Amino acid sequence: MSKTKKSRKTKAKNVQKVIEQQQSEKSNTLIFGGILLAMSSIGLLIFVLSDKVFHLS
């Protein structure tokens, strides 16, 4: 009986580790995507403002 309890606990821990790894990969992807979006937005804002202010054309 103790063997079955031990194996169940081990399986639960393994499943929890796999779920945590998947969540950390998703969060890393979201962070990277958010930073990329923010940088491109700031770049576009600077370009538009500099074109309006300095009349580059």
C-alpha atoms as a PDB file:
ATOM      1  CA  MET A   1       0.000   0.000   0.000  1.00  0.00           C
ATOM      2  CA  SER A   2       2.858   2.399   0.743  1.00  0.00           C
ATOM      3  CA  LYS A   3       4.316   1.747  -2.722  1.00  0.00           C
ATOM      4  CA  THR A   4       1.139   2.870  -4.464  1.00  0.00           C
ATOM      5  CA  LYS A   5       0.944   6.029  -2.337  1.00  0.00           C
ATOM      6  CA  LYS A   6       4.602   6.773  -3.058  1.00  0.00           C
ATOM      7  CA  SER A   7       4.167   6.290  -6.811  1.00  0.00           C
ATOM      8  CA  ARG A   8       1.082   8.517  -6.846  1.00  0.00           C
ATOM      9  CA  LYS A   9       2.959  11.295  -5.047  1.00  0.00           C
ATOM     10  CA  THR A  10       5.854  10.994  -7.506  1.00  0.00           C
ATOM     11  CA  LYS A  11       3.508  11.127 -10.496  1.00  0.00           C
ATOM     12  CA  ALA A  12       1.765  14.191  -9.111  1.00  0.00           C
ATOM     13  CA  LYS A  13       5.105  15.950  -8.598  1.00  0.00           C
ATOM     14  CA  ASN A  14       6.208  15.088 -12.154  1.00  0.00           C
ATOM     15  CA  VAL A  15       2.963  16.425 -13.604  1.00  0.00           C
ATOM     16  CA  GLN A  16       3.297  19.614 -11.556  1.00  0.00           C
ATOM     17  CA  LYS A  17       6.882  20.141 -12.805  1.00  0.00           C
ATOM     18  CA  VAL A  18       5.819  19.714 -16.437  1.00  0.00           C
ATOM     19  CA  ILE A  19       2.958  22.194 -15.991  1.00  0.00           C
ATOM     20  CA  GLU A  20       5.296  24.727 -14.354  1.00  0.00           C
ATOM     21  CA  GLN A  21       7.790  24.402 -17.232  1.00  0.00           C
ATOM     22  CA  GLN A  22       5.057  24.991 -19.822  1.00  0.00           C
ATOM     23  CA  GLN A  23       3.790  28.053 -17.948  1.00  0.00           C
ATOM     24  CA  SER A  24       7.286  29.540 -17.648  1.00  0.00           C
ATOM     25  CA  GLU A  25       7.866  29.049 -21.398  1.00  0.00           C
ATOM     26  CA  LYS A  26       4.557  30.782 -22.159  1.00  0.00           C
ATOM     27  CA  SER A  27       5.346  33.669 -19.839  1.00  0.00           C
ATOM     28  CA  ASN A  28       8.807  34.093 -21.375  1.00  0.00           C
ATOM     29  CA  THR A  29       7.248  34.212 -24.829  1.00  0.00           C
ATOM     30  CA  LEU A  30       4.671  36.759 -23.705  1.00  0.00           C
ATOM     31  CA  ILE A  31       7.336  38.936 -22.084  1.00  0.00           C
ATOM     32  CA  PHE A  32       9.485  38.835 -25.216  1.00  0.00           C
ATOM     33  CA  GLY A  33       6.479  39.650 -27.415  1.00  0.00           C
ATOM     34  CA  GLY A  34       5.458  42.520 -25.153  1.00  0.00           C
ATOM     35  CA  ILE A  35       8.942  44.032 -25.197  1.00  0.00           C
ATOM     36  CA  LEU A  36       9.115  43.742 -28.985  1.00  0.00           C
ATOM     37  CA  LEU A  37       5.700  45.389 -29.355  1.00  0.00           C
ATOM     38  CA  ALA A  38       6.645  48.205 -26.971  1.00  0.00           C
ATOM     39  CA  MET A  39       9.919  48.895 -28.791  1.00  0.00           C
ATOM     40  CA  SER A  40       8.251  48.992 -32.192  1.00  0.00           C
ATOM     41  CA  SER A  41       5.504  51.279 -30.869  1.00  0.00           C
ATOM     42  CA  ILE A  42       8.037  53.676 -29.376  1.00  0.00           C
ATOM     43  CA  GLY A  43      10.047  53.659 -32.609  1.00  0.00           C
ATOM     44  CA  LEU A  44       6.968  54.460 -34.672  1.00  0.00           C
ATOM     45  CA  LEU A  45       5.965  57.222 -32.256  1.00  0.00           C
ATOM     46  CA  ILE A  46       9.418  58.805 -32.444  1.00  0.00           C
ATOM     47  CA  PHE A  47       9.381  58.599 -36.253  1.00  0.00           C
ATOM     48  CA  VAL A  48       5.952  60.238 -36.540  1.00  0.00           C
ATOM     49  CA  LEU A  49       6.749  62.974 -34.025  1.00  0.00           C
ATOM     50  CA  SER A  50      10.097  63.779 -35.619  1.00  0.00           C
ATOM     51  CA  ASP A  51       8.429  63.977 -39.037  1.00  0.00           C
ATOM     52  CA  LYS A  52       5.772  66.359 -37.681  1.00  0.00           C
ATOM     53  CA  VAL A  53       8.216  68.525 -35.733  1.00  0.00           C
ATOM     54  CA  PHE A  54      11.205  68.695 -38.090  1.00  0.00           C
ATOM     55  CA  HIS A  55       9.391  68.326 -41.460  1.00  0.00           C
ATOM     56  CA  LEU A  56      11.986  65.971 -42.892  1.00  0.00           C
ATOM     57  CA  SER A  57      10.517  65.840 -46.390  1.00  0.00           C
END
